Amino acid sequence: MINNGFTGSAHVNQWMMLAAASNIIIIEAAERRGVKVFTFVEFFKIGAIVTAVNIAIYYLFIVIII
């Protein structure tokens, strides 16, 4: 990550704030154009399932390999 401009925790925080701000701008632009954006709860419903499946796969992979 150092090669990509991340040299310390302050820089990481600045990149995270920039990413959050750009996401807000994109969501606002989409709403103005009438595109239905999804809420955190809608994202969480799918994200929790995907995360649980990934954890199960990783766990099995670690148990089988080790």
N, C-alpha and C. Protein backbone atom coordinates (compact mmCIF):
# COMPACT_ATOMS: atom_id res chain seq x y z
N MET A 1 0.81 -1.19 0.00
CA MET A 1 0.00 0.00 0.00
C MET A 1 0.86 1.26 0.00
N ILE A 2 2.08 1.14 0.45
CA ILE A 2 2.95 2.31 0.48
C ILE A 2 3.17 2.83 -0.94
N ASN A 3 3.28 1.93 -1.89
CA ASN A 3 3.51 2.34 -3.28
C ASN A 3 2.32 3.10 -3.87
N ASN A 4 1.14 2.95 -3.29
CA ASN A 4 -0.06 3.60 -3.80
C ASN A 4 -0.37 4.91 -3.07
N GLY A 5 0.55 5.41 -2.27
CA GLY A 5 0.35 6.67 -1.59
C GLY A 5 -0.13 6.55 -0.16
N PHE A 6 -0.31 5.34 0.34
CA PHE A 6 -0.73 5.14 1.72
C PHE A 6 0.52 4.97 2.57
N THR A 7 0.94 6.02 3.26
CA THR A 7 2.16 5.93 4.05
C THR A 7 1.90 5.98 5.54
N GLY A 8 0.69 6.29 5.96
CA GLY A 8 0.39 6.36 7.38
C GLY A 8 -1.11 6.36 7.61
N SER A 9 -1.50 6.29 8.87
CA SER A 9 -2.92 6.22 9.17
C SER A 9 -3.65 7.50 8.78
N ALA A 10 -2.98 8.65 8.83
CA ALA A 10 -3.65 9.90 8.44
C ALA A 10 -4.01 9.87 6.96
N HIS A 11 -3.14 9.32 6.15
CA HIS A 11 -3.41 9.25 4.72
C HIS A 11 -4.57 8.30 4.42
N VAL A 12 -4.63 7.20 5.15
CA VAL A 12 -5.72 6.25 4.96
C VAL A 12 -7.04 6.92 5.33
N ASN A 13 -7.06 7.66 6.42
CA ASN A 13 -8.29 8.36 6.82
C ASN A 13 -8.73 9.37 5.76
N GLN A 14 -7.78 10.05 5.18
CA GLN A 14 -8.10 11.02 4.14
C GLN A 14 -8.68 10.33 2.91
N TRP A 15 -8.12 9.19 2.53
CA TRP A 15 -8.64 8.45 1.37
C TRP A 15 -10.05 7.93 1.66
N MET A 16 -10.29 7.48 2.90
CA MET A 16 -11.61 6.97 3.27
C MET A 16 -12.66 8.09 3.22
N MET A 17 -12.30 9.28 3.71
CA MET A 17 -13.22 10.42 3.66
C MET A 17 -13.52 10.80 2.21
N LEU A 18 -12.51 10.76 1.35
CA LEU A 18 -12.71 11.08 -0.05
C LEU A 18 -13.64 10.05 -0.71
N ALA A 19 -13.45 8.78 -0.38
CA ALA A 19 -14.31 7.74 -0.94
C ALA A 19 -15.76 7.92 -0.47
N ALA A 20 -15.95 8.24 0.80
CA ALA A 20 -17.30 8.45 1.33
C ALA A 20 -17.97 9.65 0.66
N ALA A 21 -17.22 10.71 0.48
CA ALA A 21 -17.79 11.91 -0.15
C ALA A 21 -18.18 11.62 -1.60
N SER A 22 -17.35 10.89 -2.32
CA SER A 22 -17.70 10.59 -3.71
C SER A 22 -18.92 9.68 -3.79
N ASN A 23 -19.07 8.76 -2.84
CA ASN A 23 -20.26 7.90 -2.83
C ASN A 23 -21.52 8.72 -2.61
N ILE A 24 -21.46 9.70 -1.72
CA ILE A 24 -22.62 10.56 -1.45
C ILE A 24 -22.98 11.36 -2.69
N ILE A 25 -21.98 11.88 -3.38
CA ILE A 25 -22.23 12.65 -4.61
C ILE A 25 -22.89 11.77 -5.66
N ILE A 26 -22.42 10.55 -5.83
CA ILE A 26 -22.99 9.63 -6.83
C ILE A 26 -24.43 9.28 -6.47
N ILE A 27 -24.70 9.02 -5.20
CA ILE A 27 -26.06 8.67 -4.77
C ILE A 27 -27.02 9.84 -5.01
N GLU A 28 -26.58 11.05 -4.67
CA GLU A 28 -27.43 12.21 -4.88
C GLU A 28 -27.71 12.43 -6.37
N ALA A 29 -26.71 12.25 -7.21
CA ALA A 29 -26.90 12.40 -8.65
C ALA A 29 -27.86 11.35 -9.19
N ALA A 30 -27.76 10.13 -8.70
CA ALA A 30 -28.65 9.07 -9.14
C ALA A 30 -30.09 9.35 -8.71
N GLU A 31 -30.28 9.84 -7.49
CA GLU A 31 -31.63 10.15 -7.02
C GLU A 31 -32.26 11.27 -7.83
N ARG A 32 -31.47 12.27 -8.20
CA ARG A 32 -32.00 13.36 -9.02
C ARG A 32 -32.46 12.87 -10.39
N ARG A 33 -31.83 11.82 -10.89
CA ARG A 33 -32.19 11.27 -12.21
C ARG A 33 -33.28 10.21 -12.12
N GLY A 34 -33.77 9.98 -10.90
CA GLY A 34 -34.88 9.05 -10.73
C GLY A 34 -34.48 7.60 -10.57
N VAL A 35 -33.20 7.34 -10.39
CA VAL A 35 -32.73 5.97 -10.18
C VAL A 35 -32.98 5.59 -8.73
N LYS A 36 -33.57 4.41 -8.52
CA LYS A 36 -33.83 3.97 -7.15
C LYS A 36 -32.53 3.46 -6.55
N VAL A 37 -32.11 4.10 -5.48
CA VAL A 37 -30.89 3.67 -4.78
C VAL A 37 -31.30 2.77 -3.63
N PHE A 38 -30.39 1.88 -3.22
CA PHE A 38 -30.73 0.96 -2.15
C PHE A 38 -30.26 1.52 -0.81
N THR A 39 -30.98 1.13 0.22
CA THR A 39 -30.68 1.59 1.58
C THR A 39 -29.66 0.66 2.23
N PHE A 40 -29.19 1.05 3.40
CA PHE A 40 -28.25 0.21 4.14
C PHE A 40 -28.88 -1.13 4.48
N VAL A 41 -30.15 -1.12 4.86
CA VAL A 41 -30.83 -2.37 5.24
C VAL A 41 -30.92 -3.31 4.04
N GLU A 42 -31.25 -2.77 2.87
CA GLU A 42 -31.29 -3.60 1.66
C GLU A 42 -29.92 -4.17 1.34
N PHE A 43 -28.88 -3.35 1.49
CA PHE A 43 -27.52 -3.81 1.26
C PHE A 43 -27.13 -4.88 2.28
N PHE A 44 -27.52 -4.66 3.55
CA PHE A 44 -27.15 -5.57 4.62
C PHE A 44 -27.77 -6.96 4.42
N LYS A 45 -29.01 -7.00 3.92
CA LYS A 45 -29.69 -8.29 3.72
C LYS A 45 -28.87 -9.20 2.80
N ILE A 46 -28.37 -8.65 1.73
CA ILE A 46 -27.59 -9.44 0.77
C ILE A 46 -26.15 -9.58 1.27
N GLY A 47 -25.59 -8.49 1.79
CA GLY A 47 -24.20 -8.51 2.24
C GLY A 47 -23.96 -9.49 3.37
N ALA A 48 -24.91 -9.63 4.28
CA ALA A 48 -24.75 -10.56 5.40
C ALA A 48 -24.72 -12.00 4.90
N ILE A 49 -25.56 -12.31 3.93
CA ILE A 49 -25.58 -13.67 3.37
C ILE A 49 -24.26 -13.97 2.66
N VAL A 50 -23.82 -13.04 1.82
CA VAL A 50 -22.57 -13.23 1.09
C VAL A 50 -21.40 -13.37 2.06
N THR A 51 -21.37 -12.55 3.10
CA THR A 51 -20.30 -12.61 4.09
C THR A 51 -20.31 -13.95 4.82
N ALA A 52 -21.49 -14.42 5.21
CA ALA A 52 -21.59 -15.71 5.92
C ALA A 52 -21.11 -16.86 5.05
N VAL A 53 -21.48 -16.84 3.77
CA VAL A 53 -21.03 -17.89 2.85
C VAL A 53 -19.51 -17.84 2.69
N ASN A 54 -18.96 -16.64 2.54
CA ASN A 54 -17.51 -16.51 2.41
C ASN A 54 -16.78 -17.01 3.65
N ILE A 55 -17.29 -16.66 4.83
CA ILE A 55 -16.66 -17.11 6.07
C ILE A 55 -16.70 -18.63 6.15
N ALA A 56 -17.82 -19.24 5.78
CA ALA A 56 -17.93 -20.70 5.81
C ALA A 56 -16.93 -21.34 4.85
N ILE A 57 -16.81 -20.79 3.66
CA ILE A 57 -15.87 -21.34 2.67
C ILE A 57 -14.44 -21.19 3.18
N TYR A 58 -14.10 -20.01 3.70
CA TYR A 58 -12.75 -19.79 4.21
C TYR A 58 -12.46 -20.72 5.38
N TYR A 59 -13.43 -20.90 6.26
CA TYR A 59 -13.25 -21.79 7.40
C TYR A 59 -12.98 -23.21 6.93
N LEU A 60 -13.79 -23.70 6.00
CA LEU A 60 -13.58 -25.05 5.48
C LEU A 60 -12.22 -25.18 4.80
N PHE A 61 -11.85 -24.16 4.05
CA PHE A 61 -10.56 -24.17 3.38
C PHE A 61 -9.41 -24.26 4.39
N ILE A 62 -9.50 -23.49 5.47
CA ILE A 62 -8.45 -23.50 6.48
C ILE A 62 -8.41 -24.84 7.21
N VAL A 63 -9.59 -25.39 7.53
CA VAL A 63 -9.65 -26.67 8.25
C VAL A 63 -9.10 -27.80 7.38
N ILE A 64 -9.42 -27.79 6.10
CA ILE A 64 -8.96 -28.86 5.20
C ILE A 64 -7.46 -28.73 4.94
N ILE A 65 -6.97 -27.53 4.74
CA ILE A 65 -5.56 -27.32 4.45
C ILE A 65 -4.69 -27.58 5.67
N ILE A 66 -5.14 -27.12 6.83
CA ILE A 66 -4.31 -27.23 8.04
C ILE A 66 -4.67 -28.44 8.78
